[in-house]
C-alpha atoms as a PDB file:
ATOM      1  CA  MET A   1     108.545 -40.158 -39.005  1.00  0.00           C
ATOM      2  CA  ASN A   2     111.970 -41.362 -37.994  1.00  0.00           C
ATOM      3  CA  ALA A   3     113.188 -44.903 -37.306  1.00  0.00           C
ATOM      4  CA  ALA A   4     112.849 -44.573 -33.526  1.00  0.00           C
ATOM      5  CA  ARG A   5     109.223 -43.469 -33.867  1.00  0.00           C
ATOM      6  CA  LEU A   6     108.452 -46.319 -36.246  1.00  0.00           C
ATOM      7  CA  ARG A   7     110.096 -48.776 -33.860  1.00  0.00           C
ATOM      8  CA  GLU A   8     107.907 -47.456 -31.029  1.00  0.00           C
ATOM      9  CA  ILE A   9     104.768 -48.059 -33.095  1.00  0.00           C
ATOM     10  CA  ILE A  10     105.853 -51.543 -34.135  1.00  0.00           C
ATOM     11  CA  ASP A  11     106.731 -52.505 -30.570  1.00  0.00           C
ATOM     12  CA  LEU A  12     103.335 -51.281 -29.362  1.00  0.00           C
ATOM     13  CA  LEU A  13     101.505 -53.307 -31.983  1.00  0.00           C
ATOM     14  CA  LEU A  14     103.579 -56.434 -31.405  1.00  0.00           C
ATOM     15  CA  ASP A  15     102.913 -56.221 -27.676  1.00  0.00           C
ATOM     16  CA  LYS A  16      99.157 -55.911 -28.313  1.00  0.00           C
ATOM     17  CA  GLU A  17      99.253 -58.835 -30.746  1.00  0.00           C
ATOM     18  CA  LYS A  18     101.121 -60.978 -28.248  1.00  0.00           C
ATOM     19  CA  GLU A  19      98.672 -60.081 -25.490  1.00  0.00           C
ATOM     20  CA  PHE A  20      95.408 -60.524 -27.420  1.00  0.00           C
ATOM     21  CA  GLY A  21      96.234 -62.887 -30.329  1.00  0.00           C
ATOM     22  CA  VAL A  22      94.389 -60.942 -33.011  1.00  0.00           C
ATOM     23  CA  GLN A  23      96.297 -62.659 -35.829  1.00  0.00           C
ATOM     24  CA  ASP A  24      95.335 -66.085 -34.482  1.00  0.00           C
ATOM     25  CA  ARG A  25      91.697 -64.988 -34.275  1.00  0.00           C
ATOM     26  CA  LEU A  26      91.858 -63.624 -37.837  1.00  0.00           C
ATOM     27  CA  THR A  27      93.347 -66.885 -39.114  1.00  0.00           C
ATOM     28  CA  GLU A  28      90.612 -68.814 -37.325  1.00  0.00           C
ATOM     29  CA  LEU A  29      87.987 -66.500 -38.836  1.00  0.00           C
ATOM     30  CA  ASN A  30      89.432 -67.007 -42.313  1.00  0.00           C
ATOM     31  CA  GLN A  31      89.378 -70.796 -41.932  1.00  0.00           C
ATOM     32  CA  SER A  32      85.812 -70.737 -40.626  1.00  0.00           C
ATOM     33  CA  LEU A  33      84.721 -68.500 -43.487  1.00  0.00           C
ATOM     34  CA  THR A  34      86.319 -70.845 -46.021  1.00  0.00           C
ATOM     35  CA  GLU A  35      84.395 -73.750 -44.504  1.00  0.00           C
ATOM     36  CA  LEU A  36      81.193 -71.716 -44.472  1.00  0.00           C
ATOM     37  CA  VAL A  37      81.554 -70.866 -48.157  1.00  0.00           C
ATOM     38  CA  SER A  38      81.926 -74.540 -49.016  1.00  0.00           C
ATOM     39  CA  GLN A  39      79.100 -75.671 -46.689  1.00  0.00           C
ATOM     40  CA  PRO A  40      76.706 -72.712 -46.272  1.00  0.00           C
ATOM     41  CA  GLN A  41      73.739 -74.846 -45.211  1.00  0.00           C
ATOM     42  CA  ASP A  42      75.546 -76.709 -42.429  1.00  0.00           C
ATOM     43  CA  SER A  43      74.474 -75.339 -39.040  1.00  0.00           C
ATOM     44  CA  ALA A  44      77.628 -76.613 -37.292  1.00  0.00           C
ATOM     45  CA  THR A  45      79.754 -74.688 -39.804  1.00  0.00           C
ATOM     46  CA  GLN A  46      77.580 -71.597 -39.311  1.00  0.00           C
ATOM     47  CA  ASN A  47      78.004 -71.858 -35.551  1.00  0.00           C
ATOM     48  CA  LYS A  48      81.754 -72.332 -35.897  1.00  0.00           C
ATOM     49  CA  PHE A  49      81.959 -69.173 -38.015  1.00  0.00           C
ATOM     50  CA  SER A  50      79.793 -67.272 -35.553  1.00  0.00           C
ATOM     51  CA  GLU A  51      82.013 -68.296 -32.651  1.00  0.00           C
ATOM     52  CA  ALA A  52      85.181 -67.392 -34.579  1.00  0.00           C
ATOM     53  CA  LEU A  53      83.701 -64.014 -35.460  1.00  0.00           C
ATOM     54  CA  GLU A  54      82.839 -63.375 -31.826  1.00  0.00           C
ATOM     55  CA  ARG A  55      86.371 -64.276 -30.695  1.00  0.00           C
ATOM     56  CA  PHE A  56      87.844 -61.962 -33.346  1.00  0.00           C
ATOM     57  CA  LYS A  57      85.494 -59.173 -32.302  1.00  0.00           C
ATOM     58  CA  ASN A  58      86.435 -59.645 -28.649  1.00  0.00           C
ATOM     59  CA  ALA A  59      90.163 -59.660 -29.418  1.00  0.00           C
ATOM     60  CA  THR A  60      89.974 -56.464 -31.458  1.00  0.00           C
ATOM     61  CA  ALA A  61      87.788 -54.806 -28.834  1.00  0.00           C
ATOM     62  CA  SER A  62      90.336 -55.755 -26.179  1.00  0.00           C
ATOM     63  CA  VAL A  63      93.134 -54.223 -28.227  1.00  0.00           C
ATOM     64  CA  ARG A  64      91.108 -51.060 -28.751  1.00  0.00           C
ATOM     65  CA  ALA A  65      90.287 -50.822 -25.041  1.00  0.00           C
ATOM     66  CA  SER A  66      93.907 -51.348 -24.050  1.00  0.00           C
ATOM     67  CA  ILE A  67      95.247 -48.474 -26.135  1.00  0.00           C
ATOM     68  CA  GLU A  68      95.769 -45.407 -24.030  1.00  0.00           C
ATOM     69  CA  PRO A  69      94.755 -41.993 -25.390  1.00  0.00           C
ATOM     70  CA  ALA A  70      98.417 -40.948 -25.482  1.00  0.00           C
ATOM     71  CA  GLN A  71      99.138 -43.861 -27.852  1.00  0.00           C
ATOM     72  CA  LEU A  72      96.473 -42.934 -30.414  1.00  0.00           C
ATOM     73  CA  PRO A  73      98.696 -40.474 -32.310  1.00  0.00           C
ATOM     74  CA  LEU A  74     101.180 -43.306 -32.878  1.00  0.00           C
ATOM     75  CA  LEU A  75      98.527 -45.384 -34.601  1.00  0.00           C
ATOM     76  CA  GLU A  76      97.174 -42.452 -36.585  1.00  0.00           C
ATOM     77  CA  GLU A  77     100.651 -41.870 -38.008  1.00  0.00           C
ATOM     78  CA  ILE A  78     100.404 -45.215 -39.789  1.00  0.00           C
ATOM     79  CA  ARG A  79      96.698 -44.749 -40.598  1.00  0.00           C
ATOM     80  CA  GLY A  80      95.645 -47.291 -37.996  1.00  0.00           C
ATOM     81  CA  GLY A  81      93.092 -45.131 -36.227  1.00  0.00           C
ATOM     82  CA  PRO A  82      89.310 -45.002 -36.522  1.00  0.00           C
ATOM     83  CA  GLY A  83      89.375 -45.199 -40.322  1.00  0.00           C
ATOM     84  CA  LEU A  84      90.993 -48.640 -40.258  1.00  0.00           C
ATOM     85  CA  ARG A  85      88.581 -49.833 -37.591  1.00  0.00           C
ATOM     86  CA  ASP A  86      85.595 -48.566 -39.591  1.00  0.00           C
ATOM     87  CA  ARG A  87      86.809 -50.243 -42.787  1.00  0.00           C
ATOM     88  CA  MET A  88      87.330 -53.526 -40.925  1.00  0.00           C
ATOM     89  CA  ALA A  89      83.810 -53.308 -39.451  1.00  0.00           C
ATOM     90  CA  ALA A  90      82.357 -52.600 -42.911  1.00  0.00           C
ATOM     91  CA  TRP A  91      84.225 -55.611 -44.318  1.00  0.00           C
ATOM     92  CA  LEU A  92      82.831 -57.900 -41.606  1.00  0.00           C
ATOM     93  CA  ARG A  93      79.294 -56.579 -42.182  1.00  0.00           C
ATOM     94  CA  TRP A  94      79.734 -57.288 -45.913  1.00  0.00           C
ATOM     95  CA  ILE A  95      80.795 -60.860 -45.148  1.00  0.00           C
ATOM     96  CA  LEU A  96      77.761 -61.398 -42.948  1.00  0.00           C
ATOM     97  CA  GLY A  97      75.476 -59.900 -45.597  1.00  0.00           C
ATOM     98  CA  SER A  98      76.937 -62.187 -48.258  1.00  0.00           C
ATOM     99  CA  ILE A  99      76.200 -65.456 -46.470  1.00  0.00           C
ATOM    100  CA  MET A 100      73.320 -67.379 -47.963  1.00  0.00           C
ATOM    101  CA  PRO A 101      70.400 -68.354 -45.697  1.00  0.00           C
ATOM    102  CA  PRO A 102      69.526 -70.240 -43.660  1.00  0.00           C
ATOM    103  CA  ILE A 103      71.587 -68.227 -41.278  1.00  0.00           C
ATOM    104  CA  SER A 104      72.358 -69.573 -37.859  1.00  0.00           C
ATOM    105  CA  PRO A 105      70.442 -67.608 -35.225  1.00  0.00           C
ATOM    106  CA  ARG A 106      73.795 -67.095 -33.459  1.00  0.00           C
ATOM    107  CA  LEU A 107      75.181 -64.925 -36.278  1.00  0.00           C
ATOM    108  CA  PRO A 108      74.932 -61.220 -35.412  1.00  0.00           C
ATOM    109  CA  ALA A 109      72.947 -58.965 -37.698  1.00  0.00           C
END
């Protein structure tokens, strides 16, 4: 990979971040998770986490949907293809599985 190719990848990712705000959604998810850990029984905190998780999921799905097939090799060069997505999904499932009941009915299974 040369510098021009790397620049192309970075520009693509920065454009997607600017358009869909994934970092903001991830920060929000982190804050909600921190609150949930400190107040696991509070239904308002559970709902806040659920809503943050849904916004993060929607943002990442929007990024994924916006990537054209011709752009996929760019992401695979930096190991940002399906493997990264699958690891992120596994991490989110682990978080959900680690939350102590009672679980808000809004949290996905």
